[in-house]
Amino acid sequence: WVHPPPMGEKTPPPPLLRHDLATNCDLAFVKGDANYRCLLGDLAWDMIDEFEDVEGAYFPCPVCALRTLKAEVGCEIEKGLVERANGLDEACSVNGRFGVVQFSMGAGGGVVVATD
């Protein structure tokens, strides 16, 4: 789970689990730095790449990622926010002072992102 490739390139969940998530889960949470990095395959994405494109609609239900920044891995964070955080703390992407909450509708499409 916590090793590359990114979620969008991983083998889909087993059919029974996928069906269970699709029919019984209103919202899946992915919490923590290691799990978030797994979503992104621990790869150096451009910060402006969209979360849903990176996540690859792996989840058949909406998904919310909660994470404090402890590694230089991220996506869909506005350039101005990255610059602002860097101005406040040069180690902002690795020391856990800042975090992100990102949301995707999963396989259903659509995305809403909150990073501030």
C-alpha atoms as a PDB file:
ATOM      1  CA  TRP A   1       0.000   0.000   0.000  1.00  0.00           C
ATOM      2  CA  VAL A   2       2.657   2.566   0.903  1.00  0.00           C
ATOM      3  CA  HIS A   3       4.979   1.844  -2.020  1.00  0.00           C
ATOM      4  CA  PRO A   4       4.954   3.163  -5.609  1.00  0.00           C
ATOM      5  CA  PRO A   5       3.281   3.332  -8.103  1.00  0.00           C
ATOM      6  CA  PRO A   6       0.678   6.067  -7.519  1.00  0.00           C
ATOM      7  CA  MET A   7      -2.858   4.950  -6.692  1.00  0.00           C
ATOM      8  CA  GLY A   8      -4.073   5.665 -10.201  1.00  0.00           C
ATOM      9  CA  GLU A   9      -1.618   3.063 -11.536  1.00  0.00           C
ATOM     10  CA  LYS A  10      -2.178   0.400  -8.868  1.00  0.00           C
ATOM     11  CA  THR A  11      -4.296  -2.663  -9.436  1.00  0.00           C
ATOM     12  CA  PRO A  12      -7.881  -1.723  -8.535  1.00  0.00           C
ATOM     13  CA  PRO A  13      -9.232  -2.973  -5.215  1.00  0.00           C
ATOM     14  CA  PRO A  14     -10.641  -6.509  -5.356  1.00  0.00           C
ATOM     15  CA  PRO A  15     -14.165  -6.502  -6.869  1.00  0.00           C
ATOM     16  CA  LEU A  16     -15.901  -7.259  -3.565  1.00  0.00           C
ATOM     17  CA  LEU A  17     -14.097  -4.444  -1.738  1.00  0.00           C
ATOM     18  CA  ARG A  18     -14.664  -2.063  -4.658  1.00  0.00           C
ATOM     19  CA  HIS A  19     -18.380  -2.917  -4.648  1.00  0.00           C
ATOM     20  CA  ASP A  20     -18.540  -2.466  -0.868  1.00  0.00           C
ATOM     21  CA  LEU A  21     -16.841   0.941  -1.086  1.00  0.00           C
ATOM     22  CA  ALA A  22     -19.057   2.025  -3.973  1.00  0.00           C
ATOM     23  CA  THR A  23     -22.316   1.003  -2.311  1.00  0.00           C
ATOM     24  CA  ASN A  24     -21.650   1.503   1.410  1.00  0.00           C
ATOM     25  CA  CYS A  25     -19.053   4.250   1.747  1.00  0.00           C
ATOM     26  CA  ASP A  26     -20.126   7.871   1.547  1.00  0.00           C
ATOM     27  CA  LEU A  27     -16.588   9.120   2.079  1.00  0.00           C
ATOM     28  CA  ALA A  28     -13.229   7.347   2.465  1.00  0.00           C
ATOM     29  CA  PHE A  29     -10.456   9.088   4.408  1.00  0.00           C
ATOM     30  CA  VAL A  30      -6.759   8.714   3.702  1.00  0.00           C
ATOM     31  CA  LYS A  31      -4.898  10.095   6.697  1.00  0.00           C
ATOM     32  CA  GLY A  32      -1.249  10.704   7.305  1.00  0.00           C
ATOM     33  CA  ASP A  33       1.910  11.448   5.399  1.00  0.00           C
ATOM     34  CA  ALA A  34       2.755   7.864   4.379  1.00  0.00           C
ATOM     35  CA  ASN A  35      -0.741   7.158   3.045  1.00  0.00           C
ATOM     36  CA  TYR A  36      -0.878  10.485   1.192  1.00  0.00           C
ATOM     37  CA  ARG A  37       2.514   9.788  -0.328  1.00  0.00           C
ATOM     38  CA  CYS A  38       1.163   6.411  -1.431  1.00  0.00           C
ATOM     39  CA  LEU A  39      -1.704   8.142  -3.209  1.00  0.00           C
ATOM     40  CA  LEU A  40       0.918  10.115  -5.114  1.00  0.00           C
ATOM     41  CA  GLY A  41       3.284   7.161  -5.538  1.00  0.00           C
ATOM     42  CA  ASP A  42       5.916   9.117  -3.594  1.00  0.00           C
ATOM     43  CA  LEU A  43       6.731  10.847  -6.881  1.00  0.00           C
ATOM     44  CA  ALA A  44       7.685  14.467  -7.536  1.00  0.00           C
ATOM     45  CA  TRP A  45       4.406  15.771  -8.994  1.00  0.00           C
ATOM     46  CA  ASP A  46       4.078  19.367 -10.062  1.00  0.00           C
ATOM     47  CA  MET A  47       2.276  21.134  -7.214  1.00  0.00           C
ATOM     48  CA  ILE A  48      -0.376  22.312  -9.676  1.00  0.00           C
ATOM     49  CA  ASP A  49      -1.267  18.795 -10.904  1.00  0.00           C
ATOM     50  CA  GLU A  50      -4.861  18.087  -9.922  1.00  0.00           C
ATOM     51  CA  PHE A  51      -5.436  15.744  -6.981  1.00  0.00           C
ATOM     52  CA  GLU A  52      -8.086  13.783  -8.853  1.00  0.00           C
ATOM     53  CA  ASP A  53      -5.761  13.230 -11.826  1.00  0.00           C
ATOM     54  CA  VAL A  54      -2.981  12.020  -9.509  1.00  0.00           C
ATOM     55  CA  GLU A  55      -5.305   9.885  -7.372  1.00  0.00           C
ATOM     56  CA  GLY A  56      -6.595   8.439 -10.629  1.00  0.00           C
ATOM     57  CA  ALA A  57     -10.119   7.855  -9.336  1.00  0.00           C
ATOM     58  CA  TYR A  58      -8.783   4.709  -7.644  1.00  0.00           C
ATOM     59  CA  PHE A  59     -11.564   4.973  -5.116  1.00  0.00           C
ATOM     60  CA  PRO A  60     -15.111   4.153  -6.317  1.00  0.00           C
ATOM     61  CA  CYS A  61     -16.416   6.618  -3.710  1.00  0.00           C
ATOM     62  CA  PRO A  62     -15.518  10.146  -2.637  1.00  0.00           C
ATOM     63  CA  VAL A  63     -12.147  10.372  -0.885  1.00  0.00           C
ATOM     64  CA  CYS A  64     -10.640  12.951   1.464  1.00  0.00           C
ATOM     65  CA  ALA A  65      -6.894  13.086   2.117  1.00  0.00           C
ATOM     66  CA  LEU A  66      -5.666  14.654   5.368  1.00  0.00           C
ATOM     67  CA  ARG A  67      -1.956  15.220   5.691  1.00  0.00           C
ATOM     68  CA  THR A  68       0.717  17.324   7.353  1.00  0.00           C
ATOM     69  CA  LEU A  69       3.593  18.099   5.024  1.00  0.00           C
ATOM     70  CA  LYS A  70       6.609  16.003   5.992  1.00  0.00           C
ATOM     71  CA  ALA A  71       8.040  15.322   2.526  1.00  0.00           C
ATOM     72  CA  GLU A  72       8.367  17.321  -0.676  1.00  0.00           C
ATOM     73  CA  VAL A  73       5.521  15.410  -2.308  1.00  0.00           C
ATOM     74  CA  GLY A  74       2.233  17.105  -3.124  1.00  0.00           C
ATOM     75  CA  CYS A  75      -0.239  18.196  -5.747  1.00  0.00           C
ATOM     76  CA  GLU A  76      -3.006  20.723  -6.431  1.00  0.00           C
ATOM     77  CA  ILE A  77      -1.584  23.362  -4.139  1.00  0.00           C
ATOM     78  CA  GLU A  78      -1.791  26.847  -5.595  1.00  0.00           C
ATOM     79  CA  LYS A  79       1.559  28.408  -6.437  1.00  0.00           C
ATOM     80  CA  GLY A  80       0.751  31.452  -4.292  1.00  0.00           C
ATOM     81  CA  LEU A  81       0.108  29.269  -1.244  1.00  0.00           C
ATOM     82  CA  VAL A  82       3.395  27.415  -1.758  1.00  0.00           C
ATOM     83  CA  GLU A  83       5.251  30.740  -2.045  1.00  0.00           C
ATOM     84  CA  ARG A  84       3.487  32.104   1.044  1.00  0.00           C
ATOM     85  CA  ALA A  85       4.358  29.013   3.094  1.00  0.00           C
ATOM     86  CA  ASN A  86       7.979  29.135   1.891  1.00  0.00           C
ATOM     87  CA  GLY A  87       8.119  32.806   2.961  1.00  0.00           C
ATOM     88  CA  LEU A  88       6.959  31.867   6.468  1.00  0.00           C
ATOM     89  CA  ASP A  89       9.162  28.799   6.826  1.00  0.00           C
ATOM     90  CA  GLU A  90      11.769  27.543   4.341  1.00  0.00           C
ATOM     91  CA  ALA A  91      11.285  23.969   5.617  1.00  0.00           C
ATOM     92  CA  CYS A  92       7.493  24.206   5.280  1.00  0.00           C
ATOM     93  CA  SER A  93       7.212  21.149   3.049  1.00  0.00           C
ATOM     94  CA  VAL A  94       9.055  18.796   5.393  1.00  0.00           C
ATOM     95  CA  ASN A  95       8.609  19.848   9.030  1.00  0.00           C
ATOM     96  CA  GLY A  96       4.905  19.180   9.611  1.00  0.00           C
ATOM     97  CA  ARG A  97       4.026  22.823  10.277  1.00  0.00           C
ATOM     98  CA  PHE A  98       1.659  22.969   7.313  1.00  0.00           C
ATOM     99  CA  GLY A  99      -0.865  20.509   5.961  1.00  0.00           C
ATOM    100  CA  VAL A 100      -3.451  19.903   3.279  1.00  0.00           C
ATOM    101  CA  VAL A 101      -6.981  18.609   3.093  1.00  0.00           C
ATOM    102  CA  GLN A 102      -7.885  17.440  -0.406  1.00  0.00           C
ATOM    103  CA  PHE A 103     -11.126  15.999  -1.695  1.00  0.00           C
ATOM    104  CA  SER A 104     -12.068  14.054  -4.802  1.00  0.00           C
ATOM    105  CA  MET A 105     -15.377  12.584  -5.872  1.00  0.00           C
ATOM    106  CA  GLY A 106     -13.478   9.411  -6.775  1.00  0.00           C
ATOM    107  CA  ALA A 107     -14.650   7.476  -9.808  1.00  0.00           C
ATOM    108  CA  GLY A 108     -17.735   9.706  -9.899  1.00  0.00           C
ATOM    109  CA  GLY A 109     -15.724  12.739 -11.102  1.00  0.00           C
ATOM    110  CA  GLY A 110     -15.511  16.317  -9.892  1.00  0.00           C
ATOM    111  CA  VAL A 111     -13.109  17.740  -7.308  1.00  0.00           C
ATOM    112  CA  VAL A 112     -13.114  20.268  -4.491  1.00  0.00           C
ATOM    113  CA  VAL A 113      -9.827  21.221  -2.827  1.00  0.00           C
ATOM    114  CA  ALA A 114      -9.158  23.124   0.405  1.00  0.00           C
ATOM    115  CA  THR A 115      -5.508  23.962   1.117  1.00  0.00           C
ATOM    116  CA  ASP A 116      -5.672  27.015   3.353  1.00  0.00           C
END
